[in-house]
Amino acid sequence: MSAITIYPHIVVDDAGTARIGHSLYKVEHLAAEHYHYGWTAEELLRQHPDLRPEEVYAALTYFYDHHDDLVAAINAASDKVNVARSQQTLSRDELLRRKSG
């Protein structure tokens, strides 16, 4: 028997992206701040003063209920950023060449 879980304040769009209400905030974004920085719900509220406590707690509940999938998505996004950064790193010689040219 399966149960349907309803998350007040969370909307999952057609692409499967969980958002806080109809805002641009993705649950994954808040989950990443919580996961990587260790930010508590209170710190998330300080960092995002436009969110209400019930929205942040709903996002964290959704995160823990979908922990493995969201952690995998967070890590994949972080890996993409790291690859992009490493490709943009220029050597000192290259920077000096660009400056003089």
PDB file of N, CA and C in Angstrom:
ATOM      1  N   MET A   1       0.853  -1.178   0.000  1.00  0.00           N
ATOM      2  CA  MET A   1       0.000   0.000   0.000  1.00  0.00           C
ATOM      3  C   MET A   1       0.895   1.236   0.000  1.00  0.00           C
ATOM      4  N   SER A   2       0.650   2.145  -0.893  1.00  0.00           N
ATOM      5  CA  SER A   2       1.444   3.364  -0.940  1.00  0.00           C
ATOM      6  C   SER A   2       0.600   4.539  -0.467  1.00  0.00           C
ATOM      7  N   ALA A   3       1.288   5.489   0.098  1.00  0.00           N
ATOM      8  CA  ALA A   3       0.617   6.686   0.583  1.00  0.00           C
ATOM      9  C   ALA A   3       1.057   7.872  -0.249  1.00  0.00           C
ATOM     10  N   ILE A   4       0.165   8.780  -0.454  1.00  0.00           N
ATOM     11  CA  ILE A   4       0.491  10.003  -1.169  1.00  0.00           C
ATOM     12  C   ILE A   4       0.874  11.045  -0.128  1.00  0.00           C
ATOM     13  N   THR A   5       2.039  11.637  -0.319  1.00  0.00           N
ATOM     14  CA  THR A   5       2.500  12.670   0.597  1.00  0.00           C
ATOM     15  C   THR A   5       2.254  14.031  -0.022  1.00  0.00           C
ATOM     16  N   ILE A   6       1.650  14.890   0.742  1.00  0.00           N
ATOM     17  CA  ILE A   6       1.372  16.252   0.292  1.00  0.00           C
ATOM     18  C   ILE A   6       2.255  17.187   1.101  1.00  0.00           C
ATOM     19  N   TYR A   7       2.928  18.070   0.396  1.00  0.00           N
ATOM     20  CA  TYR A   7       3.793  19.043   1.038  1.00  0.00           C
ATOM     21  C   TYR A   7       3.188  20.430   0.881  1.00  0.00           C
ATOM     22  N   PRO A   8       2.618  20.950   1.956  1.00  0.00           N
ATOM     23  CA  PRO A   8       2.116  22.321   1.863  1.00  0.00           C
ATOM     24  C   PRO A   8       3.290  23.247   1.535  1.00  0.00           C
ATOM     25  N   HIS A   9       3.071  24.201   0.696  1.00  0.00           N
ATOM     26  CA  HIS A   9       4.062  25.204   0.309  1.00  0.00           C
ATOM     27  C   HIS A   9       5.041  24.713  -0.754  1.00  0.00           C
ATOM     28  N   ILE A  10       4.948  23.459  -1.185  1.00  0.00           N
ATOM     29  CA  ILE A  10       5.834  22.928  -2.212  1.00  0.00           C
ATOM     30  C   ILE A  10       4.992  22.570  -3.427  1.00  0.00           C
ATOM     31  N   VAL A  11       5.457  23.020  -4.593  1.00  0.00           N
ATOM     32  CA  VAL A  11       4.799  22.710  -5.859  1.00  0.00           C
ATOM     33  C   VAL A  11       5.820  22.008  -6.740  1.00  0.00           C
ATOM     34  N   VAL A  12       5.434  20.874  -7.290  1.00  0.00           N
ATOM     35  CA  VAL A  12       6.304  20.161  -8.223  1.00  0.00           C
ATOM     36  C   VAL A  12       5.783  20.443  -9.625  1.00  0.00           C
ATOM     37  N   ASP A  13       6.645  21.052 -10.450  1.00  0.00           N
ATOM     38  CA  ASP A  13       6.195  21.428 -11.793  1.00  0.00           C
ATOM     39  C   ASP A  13       6.211  20.224 -12.736  1.00  0.00           C
ATOM     40  N   ASP A  14       5.830  20.457 -13.973  1.00  0.00           N
ATOM     41  CA  ASP A  14       5.729  19.376 -14.959  1.00  0.00           C
ATOM     42  C   ASP A  14       7.061  18.683 -15.220  1.00  0.00           C
ATOM     43  N   ALA A  15       8.156  19.405 -15.012  1.00  0.00           N
ATOM     44  CA  ALA A  15       9.496  18.834 -15.225  1.00  0.00           C
ATOM     45  C   ALA A  15       9.977  18.060 -13.998  1.00  0.00           C
ATOM     46  N   GLY A  16       9.177  18.067 -12.935  1.00  0.00           N
ATOM     47  CA  GLY A  16       9.560  17.348 -11.720  1.00  0.00           C
ATOM     48  C   GLY A  16      10.388  18.169 -10.752  1.00  0.00           C
ATOM     49  N   THR A  17      10.498  19.472 -10.991  1.00  0.00           N
ATOM     50  CA  THR A  17      11.273  20.357 -10.112  1.00  0.00           C
ATOM     51  C   THR A  17      10.392  20.835  -8.968  1.00  0.00           C
ATOM     52  N   ALA A  18      10.852  20.589  -7.750  1.00  0.00           N
ATOM     53  CA  ALA A  18      10.111  21.029  -6.566  1.00  0.00           C
ATOM     54  C   ALA A  18      10.488  22.476  -6.264  1.00  0.00           C
ATOM     55  N   ARG A  19       9.478  23.317  -6.149  1.00  0.00           N
ATOM     56  CA  ARG A  19       9.680  24.739  -5.858  1.00  0.00           C
ATOM     57  C   ARG A  19       8.876  25.132  -4.634  1.00  0.00           C
ATOM     58  N   ILE A  20       9.299  26.222  -4.033  1.00  0.00           N
ATOM     59  CA  ILE A  20       8.541  26.761  -2.913  1.00  0.00           C
ATOM     60  C   ILE A  20       7.401  27.581  -3.490  1.00  0.00           C
ATOM     61  N   GLY A  21       6.196  27.070  -3.307  1.00  0.00           N
ATOM     62  CA  GLY A  21       5.018  27.724  -3.875  1.00  0.00           C
ATOM     63  C   GLY A  21       5.175  27.927  -5.361  1.00  0.00           C
ATOM     64  N   HIS A  22       4.825  29.101  -5.809  1.00  0.00           N
ATOM     65  CA  HIS A  22       4.980  29.438  -7.226  1.00  0.00           C
ATOM     66  C   HIS A  22       6.145  30.413  -7.417  1.00  0.00           C
ATOM     67  N   SER A  23       7.083  30.370  -6.477  1.00  0.00           N
ATOM     68  CA  SER A  23       8.249  31.246  -6.550  1.00  0.00           C
ATOM     69  C   SER A  23       9.313  30.637  -7.456  1.00  0.00           C
ATOM     70  N   LEU A  24      10.393  31.342  -7.609  1.00  0.00           N
ATOM     71  CA  LEU A  24      11.527  30.836  -8.378  1.00  0.00           C
ATOM     72  C   LEU A  24      12.457  29.978  -7.531  1.00  0.00           C
ATOM     73  N   TYR A  25      12.220  29.933  -6.225  1.00  0.00           N
ATOM     74  CA  TYR A  25      13.072  29.143  -5.336  1.00  0.00           C
ATOM     75  C   TYR A  25      12.868  27.652  -5.565  1.00  0.00           C
ATOM     76  N   LYS A  26      13.945  26.983  -5.906  1.00  0.00           N
ATOM     77  CA  LYS A  26      13.907  25.525  -6.010  1.00  0.00           C
ATOM     78  C   LYS A  26      14.253  24.940  -4.647  1.00  0.00           C
ATOM     79  N   VAL A  27      13.569  23.868  -4.291  1.00  0.00           N
ATOM     80  CA  VAL A  27      13.890  23.168  -3.049  1.00  0.00           C
ATOM     81  C   VAL A  27      15.353  22.740  -3.082  1.00  0.00           C
ATOM     82  N   GLU A  28      15.825  22.330  -4.253  1.00  0.00           N
ATOM     83  CA  GLU A  28      17.215  21.891  -4.382  1.00  0.00           C
ATOM     84  C   GLU A  28      18.196  22.992  -3.974  1.00  0.00           C
ATOM     85  N   HIS A  29      17.863  24.241  -4.269  1.00  0.00           N
ATOM     86  CA  HIS A  29      18.734  25.361  -3.908  1.00  0.00           C
ATOM     87  C   HIS A  29      18.868  25.476  -2.390  1.00  0.00           C
ATOM     88  N   LEU A  30      17.740  25.493  -1.697  1.00  0.00           N
ATOM     89  CA  LEU A  30      17.785  25.578  -0.233  1.00  0.00           C
ATOM     90  C   LEU A  30      18.408  24.324   0.365  1.00  0.00           C
ATOM     91  N   ALA A  31      18.109  23.181  -0.221  1.00  0.00           N
ATOM     92  CA  ALA A  31      18.687  21.922   0.258  1.00  0.00           C
ATOM     93  C   ALA A  31      20.202  21.941   0.113  1.00  0.00           C
ATOM     94  N   ALA A  32      20.706  22.508  -0.977  1.00  0.00           N
ATOM     95  CA  ALA A  32      22.152  22.585  -1.192  1.00  0.00           C
ATOM     96  C   ALA A  32      22.810  23.483  -0.154  1.00  0.00           C
ATOM     97  N   GLU A  33      22.174  24.589   0.176  1.00  0.00           N
ATOM     98  CA  GLU A  33      22.725  25.472   1.216  1.00  0.00           C
ATOM     99  C   GLU A  33      22.731  24.769   2.565  1.00  0.00           C
ATOM    100  N   HIS A  34      21.694  24.040   2.833  1.00  0.00           N
ATOM    101  CA  HIS A  34      21.612  23.264   4.077  1.00  0.00           C
ATOM    102  C   HIS A  34      22.661  22.150   4.085  1.00  0.00           C
ATOM    103  N   TYR A  35      22.779  21.453   2.980  1.00  0.00           N
ATOM    104  CA  TYR A  35      23.684  20.300   2.868  1.00  0.00           C
ATOM    105  C   TYR A  35      25.153  20.722   2.855  1.00  0.00           C
ATOM    106  N   HIS A  36      25.518  21.690   2.024  1.00  0.00           N
ATOM    107  CA  HIS A  36      26.914  22.093   1.881  1.00  0.00           C
ATOM    108  C   HIS A  36      27.399  22.993   3.020  1.00  0.00           C
ATOM    109  N   TYR A  37      26.587  23.954   3.433  1.00  0.00           N
ATOM    110  CA  TYR A  37      27.023  24.932   4.428  1.00  0.00           C
ATOM    111  C   TYR A  37      26.567  24.592   5.837  1.00  0.00           C
ATOM    112  N   GLY A  38      25.668  23.629   5.949  1.00  0.00           N
ATOM    113  CA  GLY A  38      25.147  23.274   7.269  1.00  0.00           C
ATOM    114  C   GLY A  38      24.173  24.295   7.826  1.00  0.00           C
ATOM    115  N   TRP A  39      23.606  25.110   6.934  1.00  0.00           N
ATOM    116  CA  TRP A  39      22.686  26.144   7.394  1.00  0.00           C
ATOM    117  C   TRP A  39      21.416  25.521   7.968  1.00  0.00           C
ATOM    118  N   THR A  40      21.034  26.006   9.122  1.00  0.00           N
ATOM    119  CA  THR A  40      19.794  25.589   9.759  1.00  0.00           C
ATOM    120  C   THR A  40      18.623  26.311   9.095  1.00  0.00           C
ATOM    121  N   ALA A  41      17.427  25.936   9.486  1.00  0.00           N
ATOM    122  CA  ALA A  41      16.241  26.633   8.970  1.00  0.00           C
ATOM    123  C   ALA A  41      16.313  28.116   9.329  1.00  0.00           C
ATOM    124  N   GLU A  42      16.787  28.412  10.530  1.00  0.00           N
ATOM    125  CA  GLU A  42      16.885  29.798  10.968  1.00  0.00           C
ATOM    126  C   GLU A  42      17.884  30.580  10.102  1.00  0.00           C
ATOM    127  N   GLU A  43      19.012  29.952   9.760  1.00  0.00           N
ATOM    128  CA  GLU A  43      19.990  30.621   8.906  1.00  0.00           C
ATOM    129  C   GLU A  43      19.449  30.793   7.492  1.00  0.00           C
ATOM    130  N   LEU A  44      18.739  29.798   6.994  1.00  0.00           N
ATOM    131  CA  LEU A  44      18.112  29.928   5.676  1.00  0.00           C
ATOM    132  C   LEU A  44      17.145  31.108   5.661  1.00  0.00           C
ATOM    133  N   LEU A  45      16.411  31.284   6.740  1.00  0.00           N
ATOM    134  CA  LEU A  45      15.485  32.419   6.828  1.00  0.00           C
ATOM    135  C   LEU A  45      16.228  33.744   6.873  1.00  0.00           C
ATOM    136  N   ARG A  46      17.371  33.777   7.548  1.00  0.00           N
ATOM    137  CA  ARG A  46      18.168  35.012   7.558  1.00  0.00           C
ATOM    138  C   ARG A  46      18.721  35.321   6.169  1.00  0.00           C
ATOM    139  N   GLN A  47      19.125  34.286   5.456  1.00  0.00           N
ATOM    140  CA  GLN A  47      19.694  34.470   4.129  1.00  0.00           C
ATOM    141  C   GLN A  47      18.630  34.778   3.070  1.00  0.00           C
ATOM    142  N   HIS A  48      17.416  34.337   3.321  1.00  0.00           N
ATOM    143  CA  HIS A  48      16.303  34.527   2.377  1.00  0.00           C
ATOM    144  C   HIS A  48      15.118  35.144   3.126  1.00  0.00           C
ATOM    145  N   PRO A  49      15.222  36.419   3.455  1.00  0.00           N
ATOM    146  CA  PRO A  49      14.179  37.044   4.284  1.00  0.00           C
ATOM    147  C   PRO A  49      12.812  37.126   3.618  1.00  0.00           C
ATOM    148  N   ASP A  50      12.753  36.858   2.319  1.00  0.00           N
ATOM    149  CA  ASP A  50      11.462  36.883   1.636  1.00  0.00           C
ATOM    150  C   ASP A  50      10.689  35.574   1.810  1.00  0.00           C
ATOM    151  N   LEU A  51      11.330  34.573   2.413  1.00  0.00           N
ATOM    152  CA  LEU A  51      10.644  33.303   2.672  1.00  0.00           C
ATOM    153  C   LEU A  51      10.058  33.299   4.078  1.00  0.00           C
ATOM    154  N   ARG A  52       8.993  32.532   4.232  1.00  0.00           N
ATOM    155  CA  ARG A  52       8.354  32.382   5.532  1.00  0.00           C
ATOM    156  C   ARG A  52       8.852  31.096   6.187  1.00  0.00           C
ATOM    157  N   PRO A  53       8.818  31.013   7.507  1.00  0.00           N
ATOM    158  CA  PRO A  53       9.296  29.805   8.193  1.00  0.00           C
ATOM    159  C   PRO A  53       8.645  28.528   7.688  1.00  0.00           C
ATOM    160  N   GLU A  54       7.350  28.568   7.454  1.00  0.00           N
ATOM    161  CA  GLU A  54       6.666  27.348   7.012  1.00  0.00           C
ATOM    162  C   GLU A  54       7.156  26.888   5.642  1.00  0.00           C
ATOM    163  N   GLU A  55       7.596  27.825   4.806  1.00  0.00           N
ATOM    164  CA  GLU A  55       8.121  27.460   3.495  1.00  0.00           C
ATOM    165  C   GLU A  55       9.493  26.791   3.617  1.00  0.00           C
ATOM    166  N   VAL A  56      10.335  27.346   4.471  1.00  0.00           N
ATOM    167  CA  VAL A  56      11.673  26.771   4.663  1.00  0.00           C
ATOM    168  C   VAL A  56      11.564  25.386   5.294  1.00  0.00           C
ATOM    169  N   TYR A  57      10.723  25.239   6.300  1.00  0.00           N
ATOM    170  CA  TYR A  57      10.567  23.931   6.936  1.00  0.00           C
ATOM    171  C   TYR A  57       9.965  22.911   5.976  1.00  0.00           C
ATOM    172  N   ALA A  58       9.052  23.342   5.119  1.00  0.00           N
ATOM    173  CA  ALA A  58       8.489  22.434   4.112  1.00  0.00           C
ATOM    174  C   ALA A  58       9.578  21.990   3.136  1.00  0.00           C
ATOM    175  N   ALA A  59      10.449  22.923   2.732  1.00  0.00           N
ATOM    176  CA  ALA A  59      11.543  22.578   1.823  1.00  0.00           C
ATOM    177  C   ALA A  59      12.499  21.579   2.470  1.00  0.00           C
ATOM    178  N   LEU A  60      12.821  21.783   3.738  1.00  0.00           N
ATOM    179  CA  LEU A  60      13.712  20.853   4.432  1.00  0.00           C
ATOM    180  C   LEU A  60      13.051  19.490   4.636  1.00  0.00           C
ATOM    181  N   THR A  61      11.758  19.478   4.892  1.00  0.00           N
ATOM    182  CA  THR A  61      11.041  18.205   5.006  1.00  0.00           C
ATOM    183  C   THR A  61      11.085  17.456   3.688  1.00  0.00           C
ATOM    184  N   TYR A  62      10.826  18.163   2.602  1.00  0.00           N
ATOM    185  CA  TYR A  62      10.882  17.556   1.269  1.00  0.00           C
ATOM    186  C   TYR A  62      12.289  17.021   1.001  1.00  0.00           C
ATOM    187  N   PHE A  63      13.305  17.806   1.358  1.00  0.00           N
ATOM    188  CA  PHE A  63      14.697  17.380   1.172  1.00  0.00           C
ATOM    189  C   PHE A  63      14.968  16.065   1.898  1.00  0.00           C
ATOM    190  N   TYR A  64      14.588  15.967   3.157  1.00  0.00           N
ATOM    191  CA  TYR A  64      14.878  14.742   3.898  1.00  0.00           C
ATOM    192  C   TYR A  64      14.026  13.566   3.437  1.00  0.00           C
ATOM    193  N   ASP A  65      12.831  13.831   2.949  1.00  0.00           N
ATOM    194  CA  ASP A  65      12.005  12.750   2.412  1.00  0.00           C
ATOM    195  C   ASP A  65      12.530  12.241   1.063  1.00  0.00           C
ATOM    196  N   HIS A  66      13.302  13.071   0.366  1.00  0.00           N
ATOM    197  CA  HIS A  66      13.870  12.710  -0.945  1.00  0.00           C
ATOM    198  C   HIS A  66      15.395  12.848  -0.914  1.00  0.00           C
ATOM    199  N   HIS A  67      15.967  12.541   0.222  1.00  0.00           N
ATOM    200  CA  HIS A  67      17.375  12.799   0.513  1.00  0.00           C
ATOM    201  C   HIS A  67      18.334  12.264  -0.546  1.00  0.00           C
ATOM    202  N   ASP A  68      18.264  10.988  -0.844  1.00  0.00           N
ATOM    203  CA  ASP A  68      19.237  10.385  -1.759  1.00  0.00           C
ATOM    204  C   ASP A  68      19.180  11.014  -3.150  1.00  0.00           C
ATOM    205  N   ASP A  69      17.983  11.216  -3.672  1.00  0.00           N
ATOM    206  CA  ASP A  69      17.837  11.800  -5.006  1.00  0.00           C
ATOM    207  C   ASP A  69      18.328  13.251  -5.034  1.00  0.00           C
ATOM    208  N   LEU A  70      17.980  14.015  -4.009  1.00  0.00           N
ATOM    209  CA  LEU A  70      18.388  15.419  -3.992  1.00  0.00           C
ATOM    210  C   LEU A  70      19.890  15.569  -3.747  1.00  0.00           C
ATOM    211  N   VAL A  71      20.467  14.739  -2.897  1.00  0.00           N
ATOM    212  CA  VAL A  71      21.919  14.800  -2.678  1.00  0.00           C
ATOM    213  C   VAL A  71      22.652  14.455  -3.971  1.00  0.00           C
ATOM    214  N   ALA A  72      22.160  13.475  -4.696  1.00  0.00           N
ATOM    215  CA  ALA A  72      22.774  13.124  -5.989  1.00  0.00           C
ATOM    216  C   ALA A  72      22.682  14.306  -6.959  1.00  0.00           C
ATOM    217  N   ALA A  73      21.539  14.975  -7.010  1.00  0.00           N
ATOM    218  CA  ALA A  73      21.362  16.129  -7.900  1.00  0.00           C
ATOM    219  C   ALA A  73      22.251  17.295  -7.463  1.00  0.00           C
ATOM    220  N   ILE A  74      22.355  17.522  -6.158  1.00  0.00           N
ATOM    221  CA  ILE A  74      23.200  18.594  -5.630  1.00  0.00           C
ATOM    222  C   ILE A  74      24.661  18.329  -5.986  1.00  0.00           C
ATOM    223  N   ASN A  75      25.102  17.102  -5.787  1.00  0.00           N
ATOM    224  CA  ASN A  75      26.493  16.754  -6.095  1.00  0.00           C
ATOM    225  C   ASN A  75      26.777  16.839  -7.588  1.00  0.00           C
ATOM    226  N   ALA A  76      25.831  16.442  -8.411  1.00  0.00           N
ATOM    227  CA  ALA A  76      26.014  16.531  -9.864  1.00  0.00           C
ATOM    228  C   ALA A  76      26.133  17.988 -10.291  1.00  0.00           C
ATOM    229  N   ALA A  77      25.305  18.856  -9.735  1.00  0.00           N
ATOM    230  CA  ALA A  77      25.369  20.283 -10.064  1.00  0.00           C
ATOM    231  C   ALA A  77      26.692  20.879  -9.592  1.00  0.00           C
ATOM    232  N   SER A  78      27.135  20.470  -8.427  1.00  0.00           N
ATOM    233  CA  SER A  78      28.411  20.953  -7.891  1.00  0.00           C
ATOM    234  C   SER A  78      29.571  20.492  -8.768  1.00  0.00           C
ATOM    235  N   ASP A  79      29.504  19.259  -9.250  1.00  0.00           N
ATOM    236  CA  ASP A  79      30.548  18.744 -10.142  1.00  0.00           C
ATOM    237  C   ASP A  79      30.612  19.549 -11.441  1.00  0.00           C
ATOM    238  N   LYS A  80      29.447  19.903 -11.988  1.00  0.00           N
ATOM    239  CA  LYS A  80      29.414  20.699 -13.217  1.00  0.00           C
ATOM    240  C   LYS A  80      30.072  22.060 -13.003  1.00  0.00           C
ATOM    241  N   VAL A  81      29.785  22.682 -11.870  1.00  0.00           N
ATOM    242  CA  VAL A  81      30.377  23.984 -11.558  1.00  0.00           C
ATOM    243  C   VAL A  81      31.890  23.849 -11.431  1.00  0.00           C
ATOM    244  N   ASN A  82      32.351  22.820 -10.762  1.00  0.00           N
ATOM    245  CA  ASN A  82      33.792  22.622 -10.587  1.00  0.00           C
ATOM    246  C   ASN A  82      34.496  22.394 -11.917  1.00  0.00           C
ATOM    247  N   VAL A  83      33.880  21.647 -12.807  1.00  0.00           N
ATOM    248  CA  VAL A  83      34.465  21.418 -14.129  1.00  0.00           C
ATOM    249  C   VAL A  83      34.534  22.730 -14.904  1.00  0.00           C
ATOM    250  N   ALA A  84      33.448  23.496 -14.864  1.00  0.00           N
ATOM    251  CA  ALA A  84      33.423  24.781 -15.575  1.00  0.00           C
ATOM    252  C   ALA A  84      34.482  25.723 -15.023  1.00  0.00           C
ATOM    253  N   ARG A  85      34.635  25.744 -13.717  1.00  0.00           N
ATOM    254  CA  ARG A  85      35.657  26.613 -13.105  1.00  0.00           C
ATOM    255  C   ARG A  85      37.052  26.179 -13.512  1.00  0.00           C
ATOM    256  N   SER A  86      37.298  24.895 -13.525  1.00  0.00           N
ATOM    257  CA  SER A  86      38.637  24.420 -13.875  1.00  0.00           C
ATOM    258  C   SER A  86      38.966  24.721 -15.332  1.00  0.00           C
ATOM    259  N   GLN A  87      37.965  24.764 -16.187  1.00  0.00           N
ATOM    260  CA  GLN A  87      38.188  25.082 -17.594  1.00  0.00           C
ATOM    261  C   GLN A  87      38.411  26.575 -17.811  1.00  0.00           C
ATOM    262  N   GLN A  88      37.980  27.397 -16.856  1.00  0.00           N
ATOM    263  CA  GLN A  88      38.135  28.837 -16.984  1.00  0.00           C
ATOM    264  C   GLN A  88      39.418  29.339 -16.322  1.00  0.00           C
ATOM    265  N   THR A  89      40.128  28.495 -15.610  1.00  0.00           N
ATOM    266  CA  THR A  89      41.339  28.901 -14.926  1.00  0.00           C
ATOM    267  C   THR A  89      42.432  29.196 -15.947  1.00  0.00           C
ATOM    268  N   LEU A  90      42.989  30.381 -15.849  1.00  0.00           N
ATOM    269  CA  LEU A  90      44.045  30.790 -16.758  1.00  0.00           C
ATOM    270  C   LEU A  90      45.372  30.847 -16.006  1.00  0.00           C
ATOM    271  N   SER A  91      46.430  30.541 -16.710  1.00  0.00           N
ATOM    272  CA  SER A  91      47.757  30.606 -16.105  1.00  0.00           C
ATOM    273  C   SER A  91      48.191  32.067 -15.973  1.00  0.00           C
ATOM    274  N   ARG A  92      49.190  32.304 -15.162  1.00  0.00           N
ATOM    275  CA  ARG A  92      49.740  33.646 -15.005  1.00  0.00           C
ATOM    276  C   ARG A  92      50.251  34.163 -16.349  1.00  0.00           C
ATOM    277  N   ASP A  93      50.941  33.308 -17.076  1.00  0.00           N
ATOM    278  CA  ASP A  93      51.477  33.705 -18.389  1.00  0.00           C
ATOM    279  C   ASP A  93      50.360  34.130 -19.346  1.00  0.00           C
ATOM    280  N   GLU A  94      49.261  33.388 -19.333  1.00  0.00           N
ATOM    281  CA  GLU A  94      48.131  33.720 -20.209  1.00  0.00           C
ATOM    282  C   GLU A  94      47.515  35.048 -19.814  1.00  0.00           C
ATOM    283  N   LEU A  95      47.383  35.298 -18.520  1.00  0.00           N
ATOM    284  CA  LEU A  95      46.837  36.563 -18.054  1.00  0.00           C
ATOM    285  C   LEU A  95      47.737  37.730 -18.470  1.00  0.00           C
ATOM    286  N   LEU A  96      49.053  37.562 -18.319  1.00  0.00           N
ATOM    287  CA  LEU A  96      49.995  38.623 -18.702  1.00  0.00           C
ATOM    288  C   LEU A  96      49.957  38.848 -20.214  1.00  0.00           C
ATOM    289  N   ARG A  97      49.864  37.772 -20.986  1.00  0.00           N
ATOM    290  CA  ARG A  97      49.787  37.897 -22.435  1.00  0.00           C
ATOM    291  C   ARG A  97      48.535  38.673 -22.843  1.00  0.00           C
ATOM    292  N   ARG A  98      47.421  38.375 -22.206  1.00  0.00           N
ATOM    293  CA  ARG A  98      46.174  39.083 -22.533  1.00  0.00           C
ATOM    294  C   ARG A  98      46.236  40.549 -22.141  1.00  0.00           C
ATOM    295  N   LYS A  99      46.894  40.801 -21.009  1.00  0.00           N
ATOM    296  CA  LYS A  99      46.990  42.174 -20.528  1.00  0.00           C
ATOM    297  C   LYS A  99      47.837  43.021 -21.487  1.00  0.00           C
ATOM    298  N   SER A 100      48.907  42.462 -21.995  1.00  0.00           N
ATOM    299  CA  SER A 100      49.802  43.224 -22.875  1.00  0.00           C
ATOM    300  C   SER A 100      49.297  43.311 -24.306  1.00  0.00           C
ATOM    301  N   GLY A 101      48.420  42.394 -24.678  1.00  0.00           N
ATOM    302  CA  GLY A 101      47.942  42.321 -26.059  1.00  0.00           C
ATOM    303  C   GLY A 101      46.787  43.144 -26.305  1.00  0.00           C
TER     304      GLY A 101
END
